[in-house]
Structures are given as structure tokens and as C-alpha cells.
């Protein structure tokens, strides 16, 4: 019966949700279940919901209805932040068979396994398939290192549904990263509700110490950071980004507003001057650094001048990518008591202006990379010698290669041109020399961290250990 059980894991929202969904998918496949899309009419569906905005609530309800329709009387399990906030509402929906709070999410697969054992007797794990495990990592594997937040931003409902900061243990994180290296994963993305809080509750060091341990004790080729609050970008962490090429030249630092008055009302923990000082230092010392950010428009009391200050600051910093959100009222958050609501039409206009500015800045950043040699992680074979890969500074590049490449290879590519939003290049070095298992000489591109060309001897033995579960 195991081979005939189809399942689907669908998720909305943040990278923490995505990391949790990836893990559940892998674990269920290890039990012998078949992963399908919703259109594949699964017997079992897990919905990992989001509630960060009103739109997220609507999307969560829509996805739940879709799952109920496609499972045709099967199991529909709902979890995530919307399930935490609207548990009674979701329990009343015909077709929702189980509900798990965020703090109980780890029990989902345990309970499914127990149910399978009850029907099928003793259950034996399948041997892991390297190719399938790598497919489930989305090329860049998400590694959850903590969850929960007590930052207290006036607009945010996340602390009430994710709880206080809780870090995973260092050994657990190391084991997961080693398990991802085993099938051939080259890049991990450290993610969580507020990754800057890592280690504060366990005493195992902070985020910078975690990265240092991963660099020293694993052979992962790239470490990327997900969203990181400015006040946790410590001097130690900044030095790691500046000095170690295995730490990706991409930082996503939420700004929210370029007005000190708005930042104060939002209960953000920095000023505009502090944000400029740190980001400009990073841009000066890390050539090719991509900075991306979150921006909120329409927060209660935001004036036209506040919005203009935001636009001015965004231009000054020159972000490579903007994520723009309209303020959304969330029950129980301090922002509801502020009054001075901004009209929806004004929110929409300001959102459009920032998104248009973001498109121009993104194009400007891409053009600065023309003539640079970037190391790309191959994501897709487009056919006829064309491939698509992601650089460490978060550029997706379409490039030509005279030799066959595979998903997950690392390749050095010269950026030749931009065509609209597309970045184009061509291969200039053999793919993924670090997987060869022999001593090699790597010629660093001209745009290295110190800005000078050099050679170095590298040793990257092939991993042979079994994956631990």
C-alpha cells in the first residue's frame, strides 16, 4: 500500500515555512510515499499557511479549499501561522481533518508514520536516493536554524504565532548540512524567523560563530543568509562576509522606511543614519555586494514627506532588489492603536512608485556586473548549450557553455551583457572543479574580495560518508 499513497506539501510565506515544507517532503518520501502536485489528487495533503498580511490569510484559505477539492475525502492537515491564529475557524471547515500549531509541526510526520505503522505493521525506511534528495533542496537548500521572534515591531503579528526565539542545536544544524552535502548540495541558506537571534537562548554562540563553525567543519561551497535585521549585523559577521568567499555577497536587510519618525512609530531598532553607515561600509569593502530590502508603505501616519524620504534613501543606497509591502492591519498589534490611517489608493500609488524604482535599481545593479566573472550555481538546462545559474550575489544569469553541465554544478561565467531584465554570459572555466577530488589550482577572478588576481591550492575530497537521519 505504501507505494500507492500519494501526498502533497504546499506552503505559503517565508523561507522558514519553505524549509519546514522541504523537510516534511523529504521525510515522507523516505517513508515510501509518492510526492505529487495537488492536481495529482493526493491521498494526503499538508498545508503550511501564512498570516503576515490579509492577503496571506486569503491565499491560505484558497489553498486549503484547493487541497480539500483535490484530495477528494483524503487527509488534509493544516499548520503554520494562520492555523495558529485562526484555529477555531479552520477546524470548522468541512474537509480539514487535522490542525497542528507551529510548536507541534515536528509531530506531523511522526503521527503520519504512526498511522502507517498501525495499518501496515512494521515500517522500514527506504534507502535515500541521492538524486531525489538533491532535487528537493531546490538547488539552494534552506536550513532552518531558529524560529520565533521578540523584536516587537508595531505592525507584526509573527511573535504571537511563532513564539519566543528558539534556536536549533549546533550539532543538529551540522548534521543537516552534512546530510545536504552528501547528495551534492553546494549552497545552503540559513533561515529562521529572526536568524540574528540564533544562539541567544542556548549559549552556543551567535550567528557569526555558527557560520565560522560551518566554514571550518563542513565543505559546503556557499553559505547564504536569509533576511537579517541591521542590529544583528555585528562587526564579526561583517568581517566574515568581507573576507570569506564561501559566504555569499548578498545581504537582505529590512529597512521598512527611510523616515526616522516612521521607524520610531514602527518600533524599529535603528535610525536612518545607522542603516546608511553600515550598508555603505559593506558596499565599499565587498565589491559586487547585492543589498536587498523590505519596504512598507502606508503605515499609520506616513506622510508624503515620509514617503519621499524613503525614496531618497533607497536611491542613495542603490539596492539591488526591493520587496515592497502595503501596511496590513493585523489584530492585536500596536499599530492598530495609532490611528491616522493611510488611504488604500495612496498605499497603492506609493507601492507602484517604489516597485518602479526597484526595477530601475535592479537593472542598474545588473549592468555593474557586466565584464565580471561570477561563479554560478547551475539551476536549469535551457537546451542547445544554454543554462541558467545563480551567482553568489543573487543574480540569475543565462549563459552558454560548450560542454554539458548539470543542475547543481558550479561554473565560472563571464557576464557579457544585459538584455532587458536578463543577464547573459558565457562559460570561462570548467564546471565545479571542487568536486574533482584532486588537488587543483583555481585562478580567482579579477573581482575577488581584495580586488586582485591570485592563485591558490585547494583540496576538496569527495564526500563518502552515509547521510545521518
Protein backbone atom coordinates (compact mmCIF):
# COMPACT_ATOMS: atom_id res chain seq x y z
CA UNK A 1 0.00 0.00 0.00
CA UNK A 2 2.88 2.40 0.76
CA UNK A 3 3.88 2.78 -2.87
CA UNK A 4 0.34 3.84 -3.78
CA UNK A 5 -0.02 6.59 -1.17
CA UNK A 6 0.31 10.00 -2.79
CA UNK A 7 0.98 13.16 -0.79
CA UNK A 8 1.46 16.87 -1.31
CA UNK A 9 3.06 19.54 0.85
CA UNK A 10 2.01 23.08 -0.12
CA UNK A 11 3.39 26.16 1.60
CA UNK A 12 2.99 29.92 1.65
CA UNK A 13 5.04 32.74 3.12
CA UNK A 14 8.56 32.93 4.44
CA UNK A 15 11.68 30.84 3.90
CA UNK A 16 11.19 29.29 7.31
CA UNK A 17 7.93 27.81 6.05
CA UNK A 18 9.69 26.64 2.89
CA UNK A 19 12.46 24.98 4.92
CA UNK A 20 9.89 23.19 7.06
CA UNK A 21 7.97 22.06 3.97
CA UNK A 22 11.16 20.74 2.33
CA UNK A 23 11.98 18.72 5.43
CA UNK A 24 8.49 17.19 5.67
CA UNK A 25 8.59 16.32 1.97
CA UNK A 26 11.92 14.52 2.30
CA UNK A 27 10.82 12.63 5.40
CA UNK A 28 7.56 11.46 3.83
CA UNK A 29 9.36 10.28 0.71
CA UNK A 30 11.68 8.33 2.99
CA UNK A 31 8.60 6.53 4.28
CA UNK A 32 7.86 5.40 0.73
CA UNK A 33 5.09 7.87 -0.10
CA UNK A 34 4.90 9.45 -3.55
CA UNK A 35 5.13 13.24 -3.79
CA UNK A 36 2.66 14.73 -6.31
CA UNK A 37 1.15 18.09 -7.14
CA UNK A 38 -2.35 18.96 -5.97
CA UNK A 39 -3.53 18.13 -9.49
CA UNK A 40 -2.20 14.61 -8.89
CA UNK A 41 -5.07 14.07 -6.40
CA UNK A 42 -3.02 13.19 -3.30
CA UNK A 43 -4.42 10.96 -0.57
CA UNK A 44 -2.74 13.22 1.99
CA UNK A 45 -2.11 16.97 1.84
CA UNK A 46 -0.24 19.22 4.27
CA UNK A 47 -0.85 22.98 4.01
CA UNK A 48 1.77 25.21 5.68
CA UNK A 49 -0.01 28.57 6.00
CA UNK A 50 0.98 32.22 6.46
CA UNK A 51 -0.77 35.13 8.16
CA UNK A 52 1.64 38.05 7.82
CA UNK A 53 -0.92 40.10 5.83
CA UNK A 54 -4.63 39.99 4.98
CA UNK A 55 -3.64 38.76 1.53
CA UNK A 56 -1.71 35.89 3.13
CA UNK A 57 -4.88 34.91 5.02
CA UNK A 58 -6.87 34.86 1.78
CA UNK A 59 -4.21 32.81 -0.01
CA UNK A 60 -4.12 30.33 2.88
CA UNK A 61 -7.89 29.82 2.78
CA UNK A 62 -7.82 29.43 -1.00
CA UNK A 63 -5.04 26.84 -0.82
CA UNK A 64 -6.93 24.89 1.85
CA UNK A 65 -10.06 24.82 -0.34
CA UNK A 66 -7.98 23.61 -3.29
CA UNK A 67 -6.45 20.85 -1.18
CA UNK A 68 -9.86 19.68 0.05
CA UNK A 69 -11.12 19.59 -3.53
CA UNK A 70 -8.17 17.60 -4.88
CA UNK A 71 -7.82 15.10 -2.03
CA UNK A 72 -11.44 14.00 -2.52
CA UNK A 73 -12.11 12.92 1.04
CA UNK A 74 -8.48 12.21 1.96
CA UNK A 75 -6.43 13.70 4.79
CA UNK A 76 -5.98 17.48 4.81
CA UNK A 77 -3.58 18.67 7.52
CA UNK A 78 -3.30 22.42 8.14
CA UNK A 79 -0.42 24.01 10.02
CA UNK A 80 1.57 27.25 10.07
CA UNK A 81 0.93 30.77 11.32
CA UNK A 82 -2.65 31.14 10.03
CA UNK A 83 -3.52 27.85 11.72
CA UNK A 84 -2.15 29.26 14.99
CA UNK A 85 -4.16 32.46 14.71
CA UNK A 86 -7.45 31.08 13.34
CA UNK A 87 -7.55 27.55 14.73
CA UNK A 88 -11.30 27.53 15.51
CA UNK A 89 -12.20 28.90 12.08
CA UNK A 90 -10.15 26.25 10.31
CA UNK A 91 -11.49 23.42 12.48
CA UNK A 92 -14.99 24.36 11.32
CA UNK A 93 -14.15 23.89 7.62
CA UNK A 94 -15.52 20.56 6.32
CA UNK A 95 -12.64 18.55 4.90
CA UNK A 96 -9.90 19.80 7.27
CA UNK A 97 -9.04 16.61 9.12
CA UNK A 98 -6.15 17.77 11.37
CA UNK A 99 -4.71 21.02 12.69
CA UNK A 100 -1.18 21.48 14.09
CA UNK A 101 0.14 24.59 15.80
CA UNK A 102 3.60 25.84 14.82
CA UNK A 103 5.10 24.44 18.02
CA UNK A 104 3.73 20.99 17.13
CA UNK A 105 4.76 20.99 13.47
CA UNK A 106 7.55 18.47 14.07
CA UNK A 107 4.92 15.93 15.15
CA UNK A 108 3.17 15.82 11.77
CA UNK A 109 5.42 13.25 10.11
CA UNK A 110 5.73 11.31 13.37
CA UNK A 111 1.93 10.98 13.54
CA UNK A 112 1.68 10.03 9.85
CA UNK A 113 4.30 7.34 10.35
CA UNK A 114 2.47 6.02 13.40
CA UNK A 115 -0.76 5.81 11.39
CA UNK A 116 1.01 3.97 8.56
CA UNK A 117 2.52 1.50 11.03
CA UNK A 118 -0.91 0.89 12.52
CA UNK A 119 -2.27 -0.10 9.12
CA UNK A 120 0.79 -1.77 7.65
CA UNK A 121 2.69 -3.21 10.61
CA UNK A 122 6.41 -2.61 10.94
CA UNK A 123 7.54 0.19 8.63
CA UNK A 124 11.05 0.29 7.16
CA UNK A 125 12.66 3.46 5.87
CA UNK A 126 13.60 3.47 2.20
CA UNK A 127 17.25 3.88 1.33
CA UNK A 128 17.78 7.55 0.40
CA UNK A 129 18.09 8.34 -3.29
CA UNK A 130 20.83 10.93 -3.80
CA UNK A 131 19.33 12.49 -6.90
CA UNK A 132 15.88 12.82 -5.35
CA UNK A 133 17.26 14.30 -2.12
CA UNK A 134 19.14 16.91 -4.18
CA UNK A 135 16.03 17.70 -6.23
CA UNK A 136 14.17 18.51 -3.02
CA UNK A 137 16.75 21.08 -1.96
CA UNK A 138 15.77 23.49 -4.76
CA UNK A 139 19.50 23.73 -5.62
CA UNK A 140 19.94 26.15 -2.71
CA UNK A 141 18.95 24.19 0.37
CA UNK A 142 17.10 26.01 3.13
CA UNK A 143 18.46 25.22 6.59
CA UNK A 144 16.29 26.37 9.48
CA UNK A 145 18.46 27.45 12.41
CA UNK A 146 15.89 29.06 14.70
CA UNK A 147 12.32 30.26 14.93
CA UNK A 148 10.38 32.80 16.93
CA UNK A 149 10.91 36.49 17.49
CA UNK A 150 10.53 39.04 20.29
CA UNK A 151 11.57 42.09 18.28
CA UNK A 152 8.22 43.81 18.94
CA UNK A 153 7.73 45.66 15.64
CA UNK A 154 4.44 47.56 15.89
CA UNK A 155 2.94 46.08 12.70
CA UNK A 156 4.00 42.45 13.06
CA UNK A 157 1.85 39.52 14.18
CA UNK A 158 4.63 36.92 13.85
CA UNK A 159 5.72 36.88 17.54
CA UNK A 160 2.19 35.91 18.60
CA UNK A 161 2.07 32.93 16.21
CA UNK A 162 5.73 31.83 16.19
CA UNK A 163 6.50 32.45 19.85
CA UNK A 164 9.72 33.48 21.54
CA UNK A 165 13.10 32.87 19.84
CA UNK A 166 14.22 29.24 19.95
CA UNK A 167 17.46 28.06 18.36
CA UNK A 168 18.28 24.65 16.97
CA UNK A 169 21.34 22.96 18.45
CA UNK A 170 24.69 23.35 16.73
CA UNK A 171 25.14 19.59 16.33
CA UNK A 172 21.69 19.29 14.75
CA UNK A 173 22.49 22.03 12.24
CA UNK A 174 25.87 20.49 11.41
CA UNK A 175 24.23 17.10 10.86
CA UNK A 176 21.66 18.60 8.50
CA UNK A 177 24.30 20.46 6.49
CA UNK A 178 26.46 17.33 6.18
CA UNK A 179 23.38 15.45 5.05
CA UNK A 180 22.82 18.00 2.31
CA UNK A 181 26.44 17.88 1.15
CA UNK A 182 26.12 14.11 0.77
CA UNK A 183 23.85 14.16 -2.31
CA UNK A 184 25.78 17.07 -3.86
CA UNK A 185 24.24 20.25 -2.47
CA UNK A 186 26.57 23.23 -2.96
CA UNK A 187 24.71 26.08 -1.24
CA UNK A 188 22.75 26.42 1.98
CA UNK A 189 20.55 29.33 3.03
CA UNK A 190 20.45 29.88 6.78
CA UNK A 191 16.88 30.77 7.59
CA UNK A 192 14.55 31.37 10.52
CA UNK A 193 12.01 33.85 11.84
CA UNK A 194 14.82 36.14 13.01
CA UNK A 195 18.19 34.49 12.39
CA UNK A 196 20.04 37.24 14.24
CA UNK A 197 18.55 35.79 17.44
CA UNK A 198 20.37 32.49 16.89
CA UNK A 199 22.15 31.21 19.98
CA UNK A 200 20.77 33.73 22.44
CA UNK A 201 18.70 31.06 24.16
CA UNK A 202 21.22 28.19 24.03
CA UNK A 203 24.57 29.83 24.75
CA UNK A 204 26.15 28.08 21.73
CA UNK A 205 27.44 31.30 20.24
CA UNK A 206 25.82 33.77 17.88
CA UNK A 207 25.13 33.72 14.14
CA UNK A 208 28.70 34.67 13.28
CA UNK A 209 30.04 31.80 15.40
CA UNK A 210 27.66 29.38 13.68
CA UNK A 211 28.87 30.46 10.25
CA UNK A 212 32.50 30.16 11.36
CA UNK A 213 31.87 26.59 12.57
CA UNK A 214 30.14 25.66 9.30
CA UNK A 215 33.06 27.08 7.32
CA UNK A 216 35.61 25.18 9.41
CA UNK A 217 33.84 21.85 9.87
CA UNK A 218 31.97 21.32 6.59
CA UNK A 219 32.84 21.52 2.91
CA UNK A 220 29.75 23.42 1.83
CA UNK A 221 30.71 25.67 -1.09
CA UNK A 222 28.37 28.54 -0.26
CA UNK A 223 26.58 29.90 2.78
CA UNK A 224 23.83 32.43 2.14
CA UNK A 225 21.98 34.41 4.79
CA UNK A 226 18.26 34.99 4.61
CA UNK A 227 16.68 38.18 5.97
CA UNK A 228 18.82 39.72 8.73
CA UNK A 229 17.96 42.70 10.92
CA UNK A 230 20.53 45.52 10.86
CA UNK A 231 21.23 45.39 14.60
CA UNK A 232 22.45 41.77 14.28
CA UNK A 233 24.94 42.55 11.51
CA UNK A 234 27.79 42.55 14.03
CA UNK A 235 31.41 43.51 13.23
CA UNK A 236 32.36 39.80 13.43
CA UNK A 237 29.62 38.86 10.98
CA UNK A 238 30.50 41.73 8.65
CA UNK A 239 34.13 40.61 8.60
CA UNK A 240 33.09 37.08 7.56
CA UNK A 241 31.16 38.48 4.59
CA UNK A 242 34.09 40.71 3.68
CA UNK A 243 36.83 38.10 3.97
CA UNK A 244 35.47 34.62 3.17
CA UNK A 245 34.37 33.90 -0.39
CA UNK A 246 32.20 30.99 0.76
CA UNK A 247 29.85 33.50 2.42
CA UNK A 248 27.62 34.88 -0.33
CA UNK A 249 27.87 38.54 -1.30
CA UNK A 250 24.18 39.10 -0.73
CA UNK A 251 22.51 40.62 2.32
CA UNK A 252 18.79 41.12 2.75
CA UNK A 253 18.40 43.81 5.43
CA UNK A 254 14.84 45.06 6.06
CA UNK A 255 14.63 48.86 6.02
CA UNK A 256 10.83 49.39 6.06
CA UNK A 257 11.07 53.22 5.91
CA UNK A 258 13.56 55.99 5.22
CA UNK A 259 11.93 58.25 7.79
CA UNK A 260 13.24 58.24 11.37
CA UNK A 261 9.77 59.23 12.57
CA UNK A 262 8.22 56.20 10.89
CA UNK A 263 10.96 53.90 12.20
CA UNK A 264 10.25 55.14 15.71
CA UNK A 265 6.50 54.51 15.33
CA UNK A 266 7.20 51.08 13.87
CA UNK A 267 9.40 50.32 16.90
CA UNK A 268 12.38 49.52 14.71
CA UNK A 269 15.75 49.33 16.47
CA UNK A 270 17.90 51.62 14.28
CA UNK A 271 17.98 55.07 12.73
CA UNK A 272 18.39 56.06 9.10
CA UNK A 273 21.97 57.20 9.76
CA UNK A 274 22.88 53.84 11.34
CA UNK A 275 21.41 51.99 8.36
CA UNK A 276 23.37 54.11 5.88
CA UNK A 277 26.64 53.82 7.82
CA UNK A 278 26.62 50.02 7.96
CA UNK A 279 25.33 49.36 4.44
CA UNK A 280 27.75 51.78 2.82
CA UNK A 281 30.65 50.23 4.75
CA UNK A 282 29.66 46.82 3.39
CA UNK A 283 29.34 48.13 -0.17
CA UNK A 284 32.78 49.76 0.00
CA UNK A 285 34.54 46.68 1.38
CA UNK A 286 32.72 43.95 -0.57
CA UNK A 287 32.86 44.67 -4.32
CA UNK A 288 29.78 43.34 -6.10
CA UNK A 289 27.73 43.09 -2.90
CA UNK A 290 23.99 42.84 -3.56
CA UNK A 291 21.80 44.52 -0.97
CA UNK A 292 18.08 43.82 -0.95
CA UNK A 293 15.46 45.07 1.47
CA UNK A 294 11.83 45.14 2.62
CA UNK A 295 9.87 48.38 2.43
CA UNK A 296 6.45 49.13 3.90
CA UNK A 297 4.16 51.87 2.59
CA UNK A 298 1.03 53.22 4.22
CA UNK A 299 1.99 52.66 7.85
CA UNK A 300 -0.37 54.75 10.04
CA UNK A 301 0.69 58.38 9.99
CA UNK A 302 3.02 58.08 6.97
CA UNK A 303 3.03 61.45 5.24
CA UNK A 304 4.04 62.29 1.71
CA UNK A 305 7.31 63.66 3.10
CA UNK A 306 7.98 60.37 4.93
CA UNK A 307 7.48 58.54 1.66
CA UNK A 308 9.79 60.93 -0.22
CA UNK A 309 12.50 60.33 2.39
CA UNK A 310 12.15 56.59 1.79
CA UNK A 311 12.56 57.02 -1.97
CA UNK A 312 15.61 59.27 -1.47
CA UNK A 313 17.27 56.77 0.84
CA UNK A 314 16.56 53.84 -1.47
CA UNK A 315 18.24 55.71 -4.34
CA UNK A 316 21.19 56.68 -2.14
CA UNK A 317 21.92 53.12 -1.05
CA UNK A 318 21.27 51.64 -4.50
CA UNK A 319 19.61 48.39 -3.52
CA UNK A 320 19.83 45.50 -5.98
CA UNK A 321 16.29 44.36 -5.17
CA UNK A 322 13.25 45.74 -3.34
CA UNK A 323 10.37 43.86 -1.69
CA UNK A 324 7.51 46.32 -1.29
CA UNK A 325 4.53 45.71 1.00
CA UNK A 326 1.44 47.75 1.78
CA UNK A 327 0.67 48.06 5.50
CA UNK A 328 -1.88 45.43 6.52
CA UNK A 329 -3.79 45.64 9.77
CA UNK A 330 -3.12 42.63 11.99
CA UNK A 331 -5.31 42.03 15.07
CA UNK A 332 -3.54 42.53 18.37
CA UNK A 333 -0.62 44.56 17.01
CA UNK A 334 0.25 48.01 18.46
CA UNK A 335 -0.10 49.66 15.04
CA UNK A 336 -3.89 49.36 15.26
CA UNK A 337 -3.97 51.90 18.07
CA UNK A 338 -2.02 54.53 16.17
CA UNK A 339 -4.89 55.83 14.06
CA UNK A 340 -4.04 58.18 11.16
CA UNK A 341 -4.86 55.56 8.54
CA UNK A 342 -3.47 56.00 5.04
CA UNK A 343 -5.99 55.68 2.21
CA UNK A 344 -5.79 52.49 0.18
CA UNK A 345 -5.41 54.46 -3.05
CA UNK A 346 -2.41 56.28 -1.56
CA UNK A 347 -0.87 52.99 -0.44
CA UNK A 348 -1.26 51.58 -3.95
CA UNK A 349 0.30 54.66 -5.57
CA UNK A 350 3.29 54.63 -3.23
CA UNK A 351 3.71 50.88 -3.72
CA UNK A 352 3.75 51.29 -7.52
CA UNK A 353 6.31 54.11 -7.30
CA UNK A 354 8.68 52.04 -5.18
CA UNK A 355 8.29 48.95 -7.34
CA UNK A 356 9.12 51.00 -10.46
CA UNK A 357 12.15 52.44 -8.66
CA UNK A 358 13.12 48.91 -7.64
CA UNK A 359 13.07 47.75 -11.26
CA UNK A 360 15.42 50.59 -12.28
CA UNK A 361 17.82 49.88 -9.42
CA UNK A 362 17.81 46.15 -10.20
CA UNK A 363 18.76 46.91 -13.81
CA UNK A 364 21.49 49.30 -12.65
CA UNK A 365 23.00 46.62 -10.41
CA UNK A 366 22.94 44.05 -13.20
CA UNK A 367 24.76 46.45 -15.51
CA UNK A 368 27.53 46.92 -12.92
CA UNK A 369 28.29 43.21 -13.22
CA UNK A 370 28.94 43.26 -16.98
CA UNK A 371 32.57 42.28 -17.50
CA UNK A 372 32.79 40.50 -14.15
CA UNK A 373 33.44 36.78 -13.70
CA UNK A 374 30.83 35.20 -11.44
CA UNK A 375 30.62 31.72 -10.01
CA UNK A 376 27.17 30.37 -10.84
CA UNK A 377 25.24 27.51 -9.34
CA UNK A 378 23.55 25.83 -12.31
CA UNK A 379 19.78 25.68 -11.86
CA UNK A 380 18.42 24.77 -15.27
CA UNK A 381 19.38 23.36 -18.66
CA UNK A 382 17.61 25.52 -21.26
CA UNK A 383 18.74 23.38 -24.17
CA UNK A 384 21.19 23.89 -27.04
CA UNK A 385 24.07 24.67 -24.70
CA UNK A 386 22.22 27.37 -22.75
CA UNK A 387 21.99 27.21 -18.98
CA UNK A 388 20.64 29.33 -16.14
CA UNK A 389 22.55 29.75 -12.90
CA UNK A 390 22.52 31.83 -9.72
CA UNK A 391 25.54 33.84 -8.61
CA UNK A 392 26.63 34.32 -5.03
CA UNK A 393 25.46 37.95 -5.28
CA UNK A 394 21.99 36.79 -6.23
CA UNK A 395 21.99 37.35 -9.98
CA UNK A 396 20.26 34.84 -12.20
CA UNK A 397 22.36 34.56 -15.36
CA UNK A 398 21.61 32.88 -18.70
CA UNK A 399 24.84 31.61 -20.21
CA UNK A 400 26.28 29.48 -22.99
CA UNK A 401 28.57 26.50 -22.35
CA UNK A 402 30.46 24.39 -24.93
CA UNK A 403 30.28 21.38 -22.61
CA UNK A 404 27.39 19.67 -20.87
CA UNK A 405 26.56 20.88 -17.37
CA UNK A 406 24.19 19.52 -14.76
CA UNK A 407 21.87 21.01 -12.20
CA UNK A 408 23.93 21.74 -9.08
CA UNK A 409 27.25 22.26 -10.89
CA UNK A 410 29.35 25.31 -10.11
CA UNK A 411 30.59 27.20 -13.17
CA UNK A 412 32.62 30.37 -13.69
CA UNK A 413 30.86 32.66 -16.13
CA UNK A 414 31.85 35.97 -17.71
CA UNK A 415 28.91 38.38 -17.72
CA UNK A 416 28.71 39.75 -21.27
CA UNK A 417 25.55 41.86 -21.41
CA UNK A 418 22.10 42.63 -20.11
CA UNK A 419 19.06 42.31 -22.36
CA UNK A 420 16.20 43.98 -20.57
CA UNK A 421 15.93 42.18 -17.24
CA UNK A 422 18.02 39.21 -18.46
CA UNK A 423 21.72 38.89 -17.66
CA UNK A 424 23.75 36.98 -20.26
CA UNK A 425 27.18 35.39 -20.14
CA UNK A 426 29.43 32.58 -21.27
CA UNK A 427 31.42 29.86 -19.53
CA UNK A 428 35.07 30.65 -18.92
CA UNK A 429 36.13 27.74 -16.69
CA UNK A 430 35.40 24.07 -16.12
CA UNK A 431 32.28 23.29 -14.11
CA UNK A 432 32.60 22.70 -10.39
CA UNK A 433 36.33 21.91 -10.11
CA UNK A 434 35.93 21.48 -6.35
CA UNK A 435 34.11 18.17 -6.85
CA UNK A 436 37.06 16.57 -8.65
CA UNK A 437 38.62 15.06 -5.52
CA UNK A 438 42.14 16.07 -6.52
CA UNK A 439 44.42 18.97 -5.77
CA UNK A 440 43.70 21.75 -8.27
CA UNK A 441 44.80 25.27 -8.96
CA UNK A 442 41.97 27.77 -9.02
CA UNK A 443 42.54 31.16 -10.65
CA UNK A 444 40.40 33.67 -8.80
CA UNK A 445 38.53 36.20 -10.99
CA UNK A 446 39.69 39.80 -11.09
CA UNK A 447 36.82 40.89 -8.81
CA UNK A 448 37.89 38.94 -5.74
CA UNK A 449 37.37 40.32 -2.22
CA UNK A 450 40.69 42.15 -2.21
CA UNK A 451 40.30 43.18 -5.85
CA UNK A 452 43.43 41.43 -7.13
CA UNK A 453 44.06 38.21 -9.04
CA UNK A 454 45.74 35.37 -7.21
CA UNK A 455 46.14 31.59 -7.31
CA UNK A 456 45.67 29.14 -4.51
CA UNK A 457 45.90 25.41 -3.95
CA UNK A 458 42.63 23.76 -2.95
CA UNK A 459 41.75 20.32 -1.73
CA UNK A 460 38.13 19.22 -1.92
CA UNK A 461 37.87 15.46 -1.32
CA UNK A 462 34.68 13.78 -2.45
CA UNK A 463 32.30 13.00 0.41
CA UNK A 464 31.71 9.29 1.01
CA UNK A 465 30.00 9.13 4.39
CA UNK A 466 26.42 7.94 4.74
CA UNK A 467 23.75 10.50 5.41
CA UNK A 468 22.52 10.57 9.01
CA UNK A 469 18.82 10.76 9.78
